[in-house]
Amino acid sequence: MADHSSHSRDGRMVAALTAAQLYYMQDKTMEVIARELGTSRSSVSRLLSYARETGLVDIRINSPLERLGMLEQRIRDRHHIAAHVVPMPEIVSEVERLERVALTAGRLLSQFVDSNMIIGVAWGSTISAVSRELTQKETHNTTFVQLNGAGNTQTSGVEYSSDILQRFGSAFGAQVQQFPVPAFFDDPATREAMWRERSTRRVLDLQSKMDIAVFSLGSPSAEVPSRVYVGGYLGRDDYRSLREDHAIGDVATVFFRSDGSWRDIRLNARATGPGLDRLRRVPRRVCVVAGIPKLASLRAAITAELVTDVVLDEGLARRLADA
């Protein structure tokens, strides 16, 4: 008798397994399965219930929110920064990846930016994309200040950087302060002289009181090359000197190495962006970055303690959490 009951249980198990495979893996309807098994539709329904109850079938819903929440937590635990991970499949193009990250960053900034604040903004292709995705929010007594000059030998850079700044200003009903100097001076002595000028000191003074800094990271190896690497800002000698000094990336045209050091990188003596020790004193430092090629640069920026919040795509976030 015992033998007979275990036999029928095995038979039921096989039927349940067949029904479950047809239903869950091959998307067959209950009617079709009933016909194949020579049984009724209600029997198929009972077989599927049995398959779930006995653990033959394990149904999991992979919520992207839960998945991202765990990723964000891992980054917080490992790197002590707030991560805002943008869900997306690995297969999206670099341009689409940047657009999606920029959209999230634009929305997030409307939560961060408030009245009576000074916000420093770097220019570049990523922040340009963010500036197009800002949501409107009325503020008063708020100022956006440009973090680094944008001029080079081919262009004053004023239109490009001021467009970005103006979009921030109009989204928040705020004032803007441009920084009409080149991205890099030809000679460190010129910068020192310029930094003593009252017009320049006014901008530097605003920068020193920033509540928020918004920037991306330059990376010489990115697929969508950073504006600073393709816009005629750097000559062959500059590239050589950056290589010799082991620079891995930049924030607002100030370069740093993978260990976070930056002071003795020669090009920094001619750069117009804020020194990284000044940047570190800003209470909230929002880094917007997309694409795995930026991983080394991002890890270095975190090591240098330049980031309090990072907005990034899921693929890059995974690598950062595991790094």
Protein backbone atom coordinates (compact mmCIF):
# COMPACT_ATOMS: atom_id res chain seq x y z
CA MET A 1 0.00 0.00 0.00
CA ALA A 2 2.81 2.43 0.96
CA ASP A 3 4.41 1.63 -2.36
CA HIS A 4 1.22 2.54 -4.23
CA SER A 5 0.88 5.98 -2.47
CA SER A 6 4.51 6.95 -3.17
CA HIS A 7 3.98 5.85 -6.77
CA SER A 8 0.94 8.12 -7.17
CA ARG A 9 2.84 10.95 -5.45
CA ASP A 10 5.67 10.56 -8.00
CA GLY A 11 3.13 10.58 -10.80
CA ARG A 12 1.57 13.75 -9.43
CA MET A 13 5.03 15.32 -9.07
CA VAL A 14 5.86 14.54 -12.72
CA ALA A 15 2.50 15.94 -13.88
CA ALA A 16 2.97 19.07 -11.75
CA LEU A 17 6.50 19.54 -13.10
CA THR A 18 5.31 19.15 -16.69
CA ALA A 19 2.41 21.56 -16.13
CA ALA A 20 4.73 24.10 -14.45
CA GLN A 21 7.28 23.95 -17.28
CA LEU A 22 4.62 24.39 -19.93
CA TYR A 23 2.91 27.21 -18.04
CA TYR A 24 5.88 29.22 -16.69
CA MET A 25 8.66 28.46 -19.18
CA GLN A 26 6.72 28.06 -22.44
CA ASP A 27 3.81 30.42 -21.78
CA LYS A 28 1.18 27.79 -22.67
CA THR A 29 -2.41 28.44 -21.55
CA MET A 30 -4.15 26.16 -19.03
CA GLU A 31 -6.46 24.91 -21.80
CA VAL A 32 -3.49 23.81 -23.93
CA ILE A 33 -1.80 22.11 -20.95
CA ALA A 34 -5.06 20.33 -20.02
CA ARG A 35 -5.29 18.95 -23.57
CA GLU A 36 -1.64 17.82 -23.53
CA LEU A 37 -1.99 16.08 -20.17
CA GLY A 38 -5.44 14.67 -21.04
CA THR A 39 -6.99 16.27 -17.97
CA SER A 40 -9.28 19.15 -17.01
CA ARG A 41 -8.39 22.81 -16.66
CA SER A 42 -9.16 22.80 -12.94
CA SER A 43 -6.78 19.83 -12.48
CA VAL A 44 -4.02 21.86 -14.19
CA SER A 45 -4.75 24.74 -11.83
CA ARG A 46 -4.40 22.35 -8.85
CA LEU A 47 -1.15 20.94 -10.30
CA LEU A 48 0.31 24.45 -10.59
CA SER A 49 -0.70 25.22 -6.97
CA TYR A 50 0.91 21.94 -5.89
CA ALA A 51 4.10 22.88 -7.82
CA ARG A 52 4.31 26.17 -5.93
CA GLU A 53 3.48 24.67 -2.50
CA THR A 54 6.06 21.88 -2.79
CA GLY A 55 8.79 24.24 -4.00
CA LEU A 56 8.99 22.82 -7.53
CA VAL A 57 8.34 26.36 -8.67
CA ASP A 58 9.87 29.35 -6.92
CA ILE A 59 8.37 32.66 -8.04
CA ARG A 60 10.53 35.71 -7.43
CA ILE A 61 9.75 39.26 -8.36
CA ASN A 62 13.00 41.13 -8.96
CA SER A 63 12.04 44.67 -8.13
CA PRO A 64 14.55 47.10 -9.63
CA LEU A 65 13.88 49.35 -6.62
CA GLU A 66 14.86 46.65 -4.14
CA ARG A 67 17.88 45.73 -6.26
CA LEU A 68 18.98 49.36 -6.43
CA GLY A 69 18.31 49.87 -2.72
CA MET A 70 20.73 47.07 -1.89
CA LEU A 71 23.32 48.49 -4.30
CA GLU A 72 22.99 51.96 -2.78
CA GLN A 73 23.37 50.48 0.70
CA ARG A 74 26.51 48.58 -0.32
CA ILE A 75 28.07 51.75 -1.74
CA ARG A 76 27.13 53.67 1.42
CA ASP A 77 28.66 50.98 3.66
CA ARG A 78 31.84 50.70 1.61
CA HIS A 79 32.50 54.29 0.54
CA HIS A 80 30.46 56.37 3.07
CA ILE A 81 28.68 58.39 0.39
CA ALA A 82 25.03 58.62 -0.70
CA ALA A 83 24.53 56.87 -4.04
CA HIS A 84 21.58 57.54 -6.31
CA VAL A 85 21.56 54.62 -8.75
CA VAL A 86 19.73 54.94 -12.07
CA PRO A 87 18.34 51.57 -13.27
CA MET A 88 19.13 50.52 -16.82
CA PRO A 89 20.17 47.44 -18.78
CA GLU A 90 23.86 47.05 -19.71
CA ILE A 91 23.01 47.28 -23.41
CA VAL A 92 21.96 50.95 -23.56
CA SER A 93 24.31 53.20 -25.54
CA GLU A 94 26.74 55.53 -23.74
CA VAL A 95 24.75 58.56 -24.92
CA GLU A 96 21.44 57.13 -23.67
CA ARG A 97 23.12 56.15 -20.38
CA LEU A 98 24.27 59.74 -19.90
CA GLU A 99 20.79 61.09 -20.71
CA ARG A 100 19.11 58.85 -18.12
CA VAL A 101 21.63 59.72 -15.41
CA ALA A 102 21.28 63.44 -16.25
CA LEU A 103 17.48 63.19 -15.95
CA THR A 104 17.74 61.70 -12.43
CA ALA A 105 20.37 64.26 -11.42
CA GLY A 106 18.17 67.11 -12.65
CA ARG A 107 15.28 65.95 -10.49
CA LEU A 108 17.50 65.34 -7.50
CA LEU A 109 19.02 68.82 -7.61
CA SER A 110 15.57 70.37 -7.24
CA GLN A 111 15.42 68.63 -3.84
CA PHE A 112 18.91 69.82 -2.84
CA VAL A 113 18.81 73.44 -4.05
CA ASP A 114 16.98 75.96 -1.88
CA SER A 115 16.73 79.67 -1.16
CA ASN A 116 19.72 81.55 0.28
CA MET A 117 22.25 79.13 -1.17
CA ILE A 118 25.39 79.44 -3.26
CA ILE A 119 25.82 76.57 -5.72
CA GLY A 120 29.02 75.99 -7.67
CA VAL A 121 28.59 74.46 -11.12
CA ALA A 122 31.30 72.94 -13.29
CA TRP A 123 30.84 72.88 -17.07
CA GLY A 124 31.21 69.85 -19.33
CA SER A 125 29.14 67.44 -21.40
CA THR A 126 27.57 65.70 -18.39
CA ILE A 127 26.61 68.88 -16.52
CA SER A 128 25.39 70.35 -19.81
CA ALA A 129 23.02 67.36 -20.10
CA VAL A 130 21.94 67.84 -16.45
CA SER A 131 21.21 71.53 -17.06
CA ARG A 132 18.64 70.53 -19.71
CA GLU A 133 16.79 68.23 -17.28
CA LEU A 134 16.30 70.57 -14.31
CA THR A 135 12.81 70.87 -12.87
CA GLN A 136 11.53 74.38 -12.15
CA LYS A 137 11.68 75.53 -8.54
CA GLU A 138 11.35 79.13 -7.37
CA THR A 139 14.05 80.21 -4.92
CA HIS A 140 15.15 83.62 -3.64
CA ASN A 141 18.59 84.97 -2.86
CA THR A 142 20.24 81.96 -4.51
CA THR A 143 23.33 82.23 -6.71
CA PHE A 144 24.92 79.80 -9.14
CA VAL A 145 28.63 80.38 -9.62
CA GLN A 146 30.83 78.92 -12.33
CA LEU A 147 33.58 76.73 -10.83
CA ASN A 148 36.25 77.04 -13.53
CA GLY A 149 37.07 79.06 -16.62
CA ALA A 150 36.09 77.71 -20.02
CA GLY A 151 38.24 79.70 -22.43
CA ASN A 152 40.95 78.19 -24.62
CA THR A 153 43.05 79.20 -27.61
CA GLN A 154 40.16 78.52 -30.03
CA THR A 155 37.24 80.04 -28.15
CA SER A 156 36.39 82.18 -25.12
CA GLY A 157 34.17 79.27 -23.98
CA VAL A 158 31.83 81.90 -22.56
CA GLU A 159 28.80 80.89 -24.63
CA TYR A 160 29.12 77.21 -23.78
CA SER A 161 29.64 77.66 -20.03
CA SER A 162 27.17 80.53 -19.71
CA ASP A 163 24.42 78.52 -21.45
CA ILE A 164 24.82 75.84 -18.78
CA LEU A 165 24.86 78.41 -15.99
CA GLN A 166 21.84 80.30 -17.40
CA ARG A 167 19.78 77.09 -17.52
CA PHE A 168 20.52 76.52 -13.81
CA GLY A 169 19.70 80.14 -13.04
CA SER A 170 16.38 80.15 -14.89
CA ALA A 171 15.26 76.78 -13.46
CA PHE A 172 15.61 78.13 -9.92
CA GLY A 173 14.92 81.83 -10.55
CA ALA A 174 18.45 82.50 -9.28
CA GLN A 175 21.33 84.83 -10.08
CA VAL A 176 24.36 83.53 -11.96
CA GLN A 177 27.99 84.50 -11.70
CA GLN A 178 30.23 83.64 -14.63
CA PHE A 179 33.95 83.14 -14.35
CA PRO A 180 35.41 84.71 -17.52
CA VAL A 181 38.93 83.26 -17.39
CA PRO A 182 40.54 80.52 -19.49
CA ALA A 183 40.29 76.91 -18.37
CA PHE A 184 44.10 76.88 -18.10
CA PHE A 185 46.48 79.83 -18.04
CA ASP A 186 49.62 79.49 -20.15
CA ASP A 187 51.74 80.46 -17.16
CA PRO A 188 51.16 79.85 -13.42
CA ALA A 189 52.33 83.42 -12.75
CA THR A 190 49.42 84.77 -14.80
CA ARG A 191 46.99 82.92 -12.63
CA GLU A 192 48.61 84.26 -9.47
CA ALA A 193 48.33 87.82 -10.79
CA MET A 194 44.77 87.29 -11.96
CA TRP A 195 43.78 85.80 -8.59
CA ARG A 196 44.74 89.15 -6.97
CA GLU A 197 42.32 91.10 -9.19
CA ARG A 198 39.15 92.26 -7.45
CA SER A 199 36.88 90.98 -10.25
CA THR A 200 38.36 87.51 -9.86
CA ARG A 201 38.39 87.67 -6.07
CA ARG A 202 34.63 88.34 -6.08
CA VAL A 203 34.06 85.00 -7.87
CA LEU A 204 36.56 83.15 -5.67
CA ASP A 205 34.84 84.63 -2.61
CA LEU A 206 31.47 83.26 -3.76
CA GLN A 207 33.08 79.86 -4.39
CA SER A 208 34.49 79.82 -0.87
CA LYS A 209 30.93 80.11 0.54
CA MET A 210 29.36 77.35 -1.57
CA ASP A 211 26.65 75.20 0.00
CA ILE A 212 26.60 72.75 -2.92
CA ALA A 213 29.04 71.91 -5.70
CA VAL A 214 27.76 70.13 -8.82
CA PHE A 215 30.32 68.47 -11.08
CA SER A 216 31.16 65.48 -13.18
CA LEU A 217 34.52 63.77 -13.59
CA GLY A 218 36.80 64.01 -16.56
CA SER A 219 38.45 60.81 -17.64
CA PRO A 220 40.93 60.58 -20.51
CA SER A 221 39.70 57.07 -21.36
CA ALA A 222 35.92 57.66 -21.52
CA GLU A 223 34.05 56.62 -24.68
CA VAL A 224 32.22 59.93 -24.77
CA PRO A 225 35.37 61.97 -24.18
CA SER A 226 35.14 64.73 -21.59
CA ARG A 227 34.84 68.22 -23.06
CA VAL A 228 38.23 69.19 -21.62
CA TYR A 229 39.97 66.39 -23.55
CA VAL A 230 38.40 67.11 -26.95
CA GLY A 231 37.64 70.82 -26.91
CA GLY A 232 41.13 72.10 -27.66
CA TYR A 233 42.01 72.69 -24.02
CA LEU A 234 45.04 70.44 -23.81
CA GLY A 235 48.08 70.25 -26.07
CA ARG A 236 50.38 67.30 -26.64
CA ASP A 237 52.79 68.53 -23.95
CA ASP A 238 49.92 68.78 -21.46
CA TYR A 239 48.97 65.16 -22.15
CA ARG A 240 52.57 64.07 -21.67
CA SER A 241 52.85 65.96 -18.38
CA LEU A 242 49.55 64.45 -17.15
CA ARG A 243 50.81 60.97 -18.04
CA GLU A 244 54.13 61.56 -16.29
CA ASP A 245 52.29 62.89 -13.22
CA HIS A 246 49.96 59.82 -13.23
CA ALA A 247 46.77 61.92 -13.40
CA ILE A 248 43.69 59.71 -13.70
CA GLY A 249 40.87 62.26 -13.92
CA ASP A 250 39.77 65.78 -13.09
CA VAL A 251 37.08 67.79 -11.33
CA ALA A 252 36.51 71.21 -12.91
CA THR A 253 39.90 70.93 -14.69
CA VAL A 254 41.81 70.17 -11.49
CA PHE A 255 43.55 66.82 -11.93
CA PHE A 256 44.09 64.06 -9.38
CA ARG A 257 45.73 60.63 -9.11
CA SER A 258 44.21 57.30 -8.14
CA ASP A 259 45.36 57.80 -4.51
CA GLY A 260 43.52 61.14 -4.37
CA SER A 261 46.67 63.31 -4.39
CA TRP A 262 46.67 66.38 -6.67
CA ARG A 263 48.87 69.24 -5.43
CA ASP A 264 52.08 68.44 -7.29
CA ILE A 265 50.44 67.64 -10.65
CA ARG A 266 52.09 70.35 -12.75
CA LEU A 267 49.07 71.29 -14.86
CA ASN A 268 47.11 72.19 -11.71
CA ALA A 269 49.31 75.27 -11.21
CA ARG A 270 47.72 76.69 -14.39
CA ALA A 271 44.16 75.41 -13.85
CA THR A 272 41.31 77.70 -12.84
CA GLY A 273 39.11 75.24 -10.95
CA PRO A 274 38.98 75.24 -7.14
CA GLY A 275 41.76 73.45 -5.27
CA LEU A 276 40.53 70.11 -4.04
CA ASP A 277 41.00 71.05 -0.38
CA ARG A 278 38.60 73.97 -0.96
CA LEU A 279 36.14 71.67 -2.71
CA ARG A 280 36.23 69.26 0.25
CA ARG A 281 34.92 71.99 2.56
CA VAL A 282 31.68 72.36 0.57
CA PRO A 283 28.91 70.73 2.67
CA ARG A 284 27.28 68.88 -0.24
CA ARG A 285 29.32 67.73 -3.25
CA VAL A 286 27.19 66.17 -5.98
CA CYS A 287 29.05 64.13 -8.58
CA VAL A 288 27.10 63.09 -11.69
CA VAL A 289 28.80 60.34 -13.67
CA ALA A 290 27.85 57.74 -16.28
CA GLY A 291 29.62 54.80 -17.89
CA ILE A 292 32.09 52.20 -16.71
CA PRO A 293 35.10 54.02 -18.26
CA LYS A 294 34.66 56.57 -15.42
CA LEU A 295 35.18 53.95 -12.70
CA ALA A 296 38.87 54.67 -12.00
CA SER A 297 38.26 58.41 -11.92
CA LEU A 298 35.25 57.98 -9.60
CA ARG A 299 37.11 55.72 -7.19
CA ALA A 300 39.96 58.23 -7.03
CA ALA A 301 37.54 61.13 -6.40
CA ILE A 302 35.94 59.16 -3.55
CA THR A 303 39.39 58.37 -2.14
CA ALA A 304 40.16 62.11 -2.28
CA GLU A 305 36.91 62.71 -0.30
CA LEU A 306 35.51 64.96 -3.03
CA VAL A 307 32.06 63.34 -3.16
CA THR A 308 29.14 63.30 -0.71
CA ASP A 309 26.45 62.32 -3.26
CA VAL A 310 26.92 60.42 -6.51
CA VAL A 311 24.32 60.00 -9.27
CA LEU A 312 25.36 57.09 -11.50
CA ASP A 313 24.10 54.31 -13.75
CA GLU A 314 23.50 50.78 -12.50
CA GLY A 315 26.44 49.20 -14.35
CA LEU A 316 28.94 51.67 -12.92
CA ALA A 317 27.32 51.36 -9.47
CA ARG A 318 27.80 47.57 -9.48
CA ARG A 319 31.49 47.93 -10.28
CA LEU A 320 31.88 50.61 -7.61
CA ALA A 321 30.14 48.44 -4.98
CA ASP A 322 32.44 45.51 -5.82
CA ALA A 323 35.62 47.56 -6.25
